[in-house]
Amino acid sequence: MSIKVGGLDDAAAHQAIDAGFAVIEEIHRLMSFHEGASDVSALNRGASTAPVAVAAHTYHVIRGALEFSAASGGVFDVTIGRQLVAWGFLPRPDNAPDPDPQASWRDIELLENGQIRFRRPLWIDLGGIAKGYAVDCAVEKIAALGAMQCSVNAGGDLRVAGPDAERVLLRTDAARDTVPPDTVPVLEIDNGSLASSSGREQRRTYQDADVGPHVHGGRAVTTGLDSFVSVVAERCMVADALTKVVLAQGDEAERLLQDYGATAYLHNARGDWRVLGRGK
């Protein structure tokens, strides 16, 4: 993870960078699937029996996740924790009831006063959206401290704010790539965000089938095993969530990308690139 700032003296720049990292650390603490004291763990343990109060950050991200679920017809769904635990990508939550196999995003209920309730036992994982949100919050915090230029790069999730563009190489990590290193596609991002996702490097075998860390919410099947996508959008949270939809739907995600004013650069198993959405 890296943060760069411009337009401040050295002392103010270090203060802004520290503030950006502090925001990211707070959001990780709240939304980690692994840490028992996080809001996500508290919800997975108890929200199916009684409402659970969460921090404003967590409430905002879950509300956004539900909006993406509705917009994508359930393709994006943060209740995929059950599949990711079964496939070995996440540890089983401590002291959490077994999830109902029929549970989905529709069973998450947002209540008043920052409380959330599950209509049936389920395990949420915010890994498909929280990192983009953390990047957004860090950029906004740094900008509020007076930085004229800043960028936050969280390893695949990037947001740039200010007059200067930043170049990004689209490295697909595909073993079958035949494109020479000096001709890797390049994007320039200014006052916008980019998020990238792929299941190529993390694939593993489960019950004699290949699986990856990305799941089609409606079908509970793995996606993106042989593809790579980068999505450009105004906010990084939007770009982050849309990468999972594009991996699952391919060309069928065109309308949703256009609705969010986003552009996707999709690299498939044949080594071909497709441009979808606003930039098509």
Protein backbone atom coordinates (compact mmCIF):
# COMPACT_ATOMS: atom_id res chain seq x y z
CA MET A 1 0.00 0.00 0.00
CA SER A 2 1.34 3.44 -0.88
CA ILE A 3 0.24 7.05 -0.49
CA LYS A 4 1.66 10.04 -2.36
CA VAL A 5 0.80 13.70 -1.78
CA GLY A 6 1.72 17.00 -3.40
CA GLY A 7 1.22 20.68 -2.70
CA LEU A 8 2.19 20.53 1.00
CA ASP A 9 5.43 21.20 2.86
CA ASP A 10 7.25 18.16 4.24
CA ALA A 11 5.76 18.28 7.72
CA ALA A 12 2.20 18.72 6.48
CA ALA A 13 2.70 16.03 3.83
CA HIS A 14 3.83 13.49 6.44
CA GLN A 15 0.87 14.43 8.62
CA ALA A 16 -1.52 13.92 5.70
CA ILE A 17 0.01 10.57 4.79
CA ASP A 18 -0.21 9.38 8.40
CA ALA A 19 -3.86 10.44 8.50
CA GLY A 20 -4.56 8.51 5.30
CA PHE A 21 -2.99 5.34 6.65
CA ALA A 22 -4.91 5.76 9.93
CA VAL A 23 -8.22 5.84 8.06
CA ILE A 24 -7.33 2.71 6.12
CA GLU A 25 -6.27 0.92 9.31
CA GLU A 26 -9.56 1.84 11.01
CA ILE A 27 -11.63 0.51 8.13
CA HIS A 28 -9.62 -2.71 8.05
CA ARG A 29 -10.16 -3.13 11.80
CA LEU A 30 -13.91 -2.69 11.41
CA MET A 31 -14.44 -4.86 8.33
CA SER A 32 -11.92 -7.68 8.63
CA PHE A 33 -13.36 -11.18 8.26
CA HIS A 34 -10.37 -12.57 10.17
CA GLU A 35 -10.36 -10.39 13.29
CA GLY A 36 -12.79 -11.47 15.99
CA ALA A 37 -13.35 -7.93 17.28
CA SER A 38 -14.43 -6.50 13.91
CA ASP A 39 -17.95 -5.39 13.03
CA VAL A 40 -18.08 -8.10 10.37
CA SER A 41 -17.31 -10.80 12.95
CA ALA A 42 -19.89 -9.38 15.35
CA LEU A 43 -22.52 -9.47 12.61
CA ASN A 44 -21.67 -13.02 11.57
CA ARG A 45 -21.89 -14.16 15.19
CA GLY A 46 -25.04 -12.45 16.33
CA ALA A 47 -27.06 -10.53 13.74
CA SER A 48 -29.31 -13.50 12.97
CA THR A 49 -30.59 -13.50 16.55
CA ALA A 50 -30.64 -9.78 17.44
CA PRO A 51 -29.76 -6.43 15.83
CA VAL A 52 -26.06 -5.53 15.99
CA ALA A 53 -24.85 -1.92 16.15
CA VAL A 54 -21.93 -1.18 13.83
CA ALA A 55 -19.72 1.81 13.06
CA ALA A 56 -20.83 4.38 10.51
CA HIS A 57 -18.15 3.18 8.06
CA THR A 58 -19.41 -0.39 8.21
CA TYR A 59 -23.04 0.62 7.87
CA HIS A 60 -22.20 2.77 4.83
CA VAL A 61 -20.29 -0.03 3.10
CA ILE A 62 -23.01 -2.61 3.70
CA ARG A 63 -25.64 -0.19 2.45
CA GLY A 64 -23.55 0.34 -0.70
CA ALA A 65 -23.09 -3.41 -1.09
CA LEU A 66 -26.85 -3.94 -0.98
CA GLU A 67 -27.30 -1.28 -3.65
CA PHE A 68 -24.83 -3.11 -5.90
CA SER A 69 -26.59 -6.40 -5.19
CA ALA A 70 -29.93 -4.96 -6.25
CA ALA A 71 -28.45 -3.27 -9.33
CA SER A 72 -26.67 -6.46 -10.43
CA GLY A 73 -29.56 -8.80 -9.75
CA GLY A 74 -27.62 -10.52 -6.97
CA VAL A 75 -24.43 -11.16 -8.97
CA PHE A 76 -22.61 -9.02 -6.40
CA ASP A 77 -23.42 -10.45 -2.98
CA VAL A 78 -21.45 -10.04 0.26
CA THR A 79 -23.08 -13.14 1.77
CA ILE A 80 -20.60 -15.37 -0.09
CA GLY A 81 -18.60 -16.06 3.08
CA ARG A 82 -20.01 -19.59 3.23
CA GLN A 83 -18.51 -20.48 -0.15
CA LEU A 84 -15.15 -18.84 0.57
CA VAL A 85 -14.83 -20.67 3.88
CA ALA A 86 -15.72 -24.01 2.28
CA TRP A 87 -13.16 -23.46 -0.47
CA GLY A 88 -10.43 -22.52 2.02
CA PHE A 89 -10.04 -18.85 1.15
CA LEU A 90 -11.33 -17.68 4.55
CA PRO A 91 -11.22 -19.21 8.04
CA ARG A 92 -14.42 -20.39 9.69
CA PRO A 93 -15.76 -17.58 11.93
CA ASP A 94 -15.47 -18.33 15.65
CA ASN A 95 -18.74 -18.83 17.53
CA ALA A 96 -20.87 -18.07 14.48
CA PRO A 97 -23.92 -20.19 13.65
CA ASP A 98 -23.75 -22.25 10.47
CA PRO A 99 -25.06 -20.19 7.57
CA ASP A 100 -28.31 -21.05 5.88
CA PRO A 101 -27.49 -22.28 2.34
CA GLN A 102 -30.45 -20.28 1.04
CA ALA A 103 -29.31 -16.99 2.61
CA SER A 104 -28.53 -14.06 0.34
CA TRP A 105 -28.14 -10.29 0.38
CA ARG A 106 -31.92 -10.00 0.66
CA ASP A 107 -31.65 -11.32 4.24
CA ILE A 108 -29.60 -8.30 5.39
CA GLU A 109 -31.79 -5.66 7.01
CA LEU A 110 -30.58 -2.12 7.68
CA LEU A 111 -32.20 -0.66 10.79
CA GLU A 112 -32.14 2.74 12.45
CA ASN A 113 -29.34 3.93 14.74
CA GLY A 114 -26.63 2.09 12.85
CA GLN A 115 -28.01 -1.38 13.54
CA ILE A 116 -28.11 -4.34 11.19
CA ARG A 117 -30.05 -7.58 11.42
CA PHE A 118 -29.90 -10.82 9.42
CA ARG A 119 -33.19 -12.57 8.73
CA ARG A 120 -31.38 -15.92 8.75
CA PRO A 121 -27.85 -17.05 9.67
CA LEU A 122 -25.26 -16.01 7.09
CA TRP A 123 -21.61 -14.96 6.80
CA ILE A 124 -20.81 -11.68 5.13
CA ASP A 125 -17.41 -10.88 3.64
CA LEU A 126 -16.74 -7.28 2.59
CA GLY A 127 -13.48 -8.09 0.81
CA GLY A 128 -15.02 -7.25 -2.56
CA ILE A 129 -15.82 -3.65 -1.71
CA ALA A 130 -14.23 -2.47 1.56
CA LYS A 131 -10.73 -1.89 0.16
CA GLY A 132 -12.07 0.48 -2.47
CA TYR A 133 -14.04 2.32 0.19
CA ALA A 134 -10.91 2.61 2.36
CA VAL A 135 -9.02 4.14 -0.56
CA ASP A 136 -11.82 6.68 -1.08
CA CYS A 137 -11.82 7.65 2.58
CA ALA A 138 -8.04 8.05 2.66
CA VAL A 139 -8.06 10.32 -0.39
CA GLU A 140 -10.88 12.44 1.03
CA LYS A 141 -9.06 12.76 4.37
CA ILE A 142 -5.82 13.83 2.67
CA ALA A 143 -7.60 16.32 0.43
CA ALA A 144 -9.32 17.83 3.48
CA LEU A 145 -5.85 18.51 4.94
CA GLY A 146 -4.98 20.69 1.97
CA ALA A 147 -3.12 18.41 -0.45
CA MET A 148 -3.41 19.64 -4.02
CA GLN A 149 -2.45 16.22 -5.42
CA CYS A 150 -2.69 12.77 -3.88
CA SER A 151 -2.93 9.15 -4.82
CA VAL A 152 -3.64 6.09 -2.73
CA ASN A 153 -2.71 2.68 -4.11
CA ALA A 154 -3.88 -0.36 -2.17
CA GLY A 155 -2.51 -3.08 -4.41
CA GLY A 156 -5.03 -3.21 -7.22
CA ASP A 157 -7.24 -0.40 -5.95
CA LEU A 158 -6.09 3.11 -6.85
CA ARG A 159 -7.54 6.60 -6.63
CA VAL A 160 -5.89 9.75 -7.93
CA ALA A 161 -7.03 13.27 -7.01
CA GLY A 162 -5.52 16.44 -8.45
CA PRO A 163 -4.42 17.89 -11.80
CA ASP A 164 -1.66 15.34 -12.52
CA ALA A 165 -2.49 12.01 -14.13
CA GLU A 166 -0.92 8.74 -13.00
CA ARG A 167 0.05 5.96 -15.38
CA VAL A 168 -1.02 2.40 -14.55
CA LEU A 169 0.25 -0.77 -16.22
CA LEU A 170 -2.41 -3.44 -16.68
CA ARG A 171 -0.45 -6.55 -15.69
CA THR A 172 -2.78 -9.51 -16.15
CA ASP A 173 -0.46 -12.19 -14.66
CA ALA A 174 -1.69 -14.66 -17.24
CA ALA A 175 0.72 -17.47 -18.03
CA ARG A 176 -0.55 -17.52 -21.59
CA ASP A 177 0.14 -13.84 -22.20
CA THR A 178 2.29 -13.46 -25.28
CA VAL A 179 2.44 -9.66 -25.20
CA PRO A 180 6.05 -8.45 -24.74
CA PRO A 181 6.66 -6.63 -21.41
CA ASP A 182 7.38 -3.35 -23.18
CA THR A 183 3.91 -3.36 -24.76
CA VAL A 184 1.79 -3.89 -21.65
CA PRO A 185 -1.42 -1.78 -21.88
CA VAL A 186 -1.25 1.50 -19.98
CA LEU A 187 -4.04 3.66 -18.57
CA GLU A 188 -3.77 7.24 -17.34
CA ILE A 189 -5.93 8.09 -14.33
CA ASP A 190 -6.66 11.63 -13.18
CA ASN A 191 -9.35 12.57 -10.68
CA GLY A 192 -10.66 9.04 -10.77
CA SER A 193 -10.23 5.48 -9.57
CA LEU A 194 -9.18 2.12 -10.88
CA ALA A 195 -9.67 -1.34 -9.39
CA SER A 196 -8.43 -4.65 -10.77
CA SER A 197 -9.43 -8.24 -10.02
CA SER A 198 -8.53 -11.72 -11.24
CA GLY A 199 -8.72 -15.25 -9.92
CA ARG A 200 -5.77 -16.57 -11.91
CA GLU A 201 -3.10 -16.46 -9.22
CA GLN A 202 -5.25 -17.68 -6.30
CA ARG A 203 -7.03 -20.60 -7.91
CA ARG A 204 -7.07 -23.90 -6.04
CA THR A 205 -8.84 -27.24 -6.19
CA TYR A 206 -11.99 -28.08 -4.24
CA GLN A 207 -13.74 -31.42 -4.73
CA ASP A 208 -11.84 -32.02 -8.00
CA ALA A 209 -12.82 -28.64 -9.45
CA ASP A 210 -10.88 -25.38 -9.76
CA VAL A 211 -12.21 -22.54 -7.63
CA GLY A 212 -11.15 -18.95 -7.01
CA PRO A 213 -11.80 -16.11 -4.57
CA HIS A 214 -14.54 -14.48 -6.66
CA VAL A 215 -18.09 -15.83 -6.52
CA HIS A 216 -21.21 -15.25 -8.60
CA GLY A 217 -23.67 -14.40 -5.83
CA GLY A 218 -26.78 -15.69 -7.55
CA ARG A 219 -25.28 -19.00 -8.63
CA ALA A 220 -22.70 -19.59 -5.85
CA VAL A 221 -20.12 -20.59 -8.47
CA THR A 222 -16.55 -19.37 -8.89
CA THR A 223 -15.78 -16.71 -11.51
CA GLY A 224 -12.75 -15.06 -13.05
CA LEU A 225 -10.45 -18.09 -13.07
CA ASP A 226 -9.12 -17.28 -16.54
CA SER A 227 -9.81 -13.57 -16.84
CA PHE A 228 -8.57 -10.23 -15.56
CA VAL A 229 -10.44 -6.94 -15.36
CA SER A 230 -9.68 -3.34 -14.52
CA VAL A 231 -12.57 -0.94 -13.96
CA VAL A 232 -12.24 2.84 -14.06
CA ALA A 233 -14.85 4.86 -12.16
CA GLU A 234 -15.09 8.10 -10.21
CA ARG A 235 -15.01 6.37 -6.81
CA CYS A 236 -12.84 3.41 -5.91
CA MET A 237 -15.62 1.63 -4.00
CA VAL A 238 -17.68 1.60 -7.20
CA ALA A 239 -14.74 0.37 -9.29
CA ASP A 240 -13.92 -2.32 -6.71
CA ALA A 241 -17.44 -3.76 -6.64
CA LEU A 242 -17.88 -3.61 -10.41
CA THR A 243 -14.78 -5.72 -11.06
CA LYS A 244 -16.55 -8.68 -9.46
CA VAL A 245 -19.63 -8.16 -11.60
CA VAL A 246 -17.59 -7.97 -14.81
CA LEU A 247 -15.65 -11.14 -13.91
CA ALA A 248 -18.99 -12.91 -13.42
CA GLN A 249 -20.92 -11.51 -16.37
CA GLY A 250 -18.47 -10.35 -19.01
CA ASP A 251 -20.29 -8.47 -21.76
CA GLU A 252 -23.56 -8.74 -19.85
CA ALA A 253 -22.18 -6.17 -17.35
CA GLU A 254 -22.24 -3.46 -20.03
CA ARG A 255 -25.47 -1.84 -18.87
CA LEU A 256 -24.44 -1.71 -15.22
CA LEU A 257 -21.09 -0.16 -16.13
CA GLN A 258 -22.87 2.51 -18.14
CA ASP A 259 -25.29 3.17 -15.28
CA TYR A 260 -22.33 3.95 -13.01
CA GLY A 261 -20.39 5.88 -15.66
CA ALA A 262 -17.62 3.27 -15.50
CA THR A 263 -15.36 1.60 -18.06
CA ALA A 264 -14.04 -1.97 -17.86
CA TYR A 265 -10.97 -3.39 -19.57
CA LEU A 266 -11.48 -7.16 -19.67
CA HIS A 267 -8.73 -9.63 -20.58
CA ASN A 268 -10.01 -13.13 -21.32
CA ALA A 269 -8.48 -16.60 -21.43
CA ARG A 270 -7.64 -16.24 -25.14
CA GLY A 271 -5.51 -13.18 -24.44
CA ASP A 272 -8.02 -10.77 -26.01
CA TRP A 273 -8.99 -7.39 -24.56
CA ARG A 274 -12.55 -6.07 -24.46
CA VAL A 275 -13.58 -2.54 -23.50
CA LEU A 276 -17.02 -2.30 -21.90
CA GLY A 277 -19.12 0.55 -20.53
CA ARG A 278 -18.72 4.27 -20.93
CA GLY A 279 -15.39 4.12 -22.75
CA LYS A 280 -16.58 1.65 -25.41
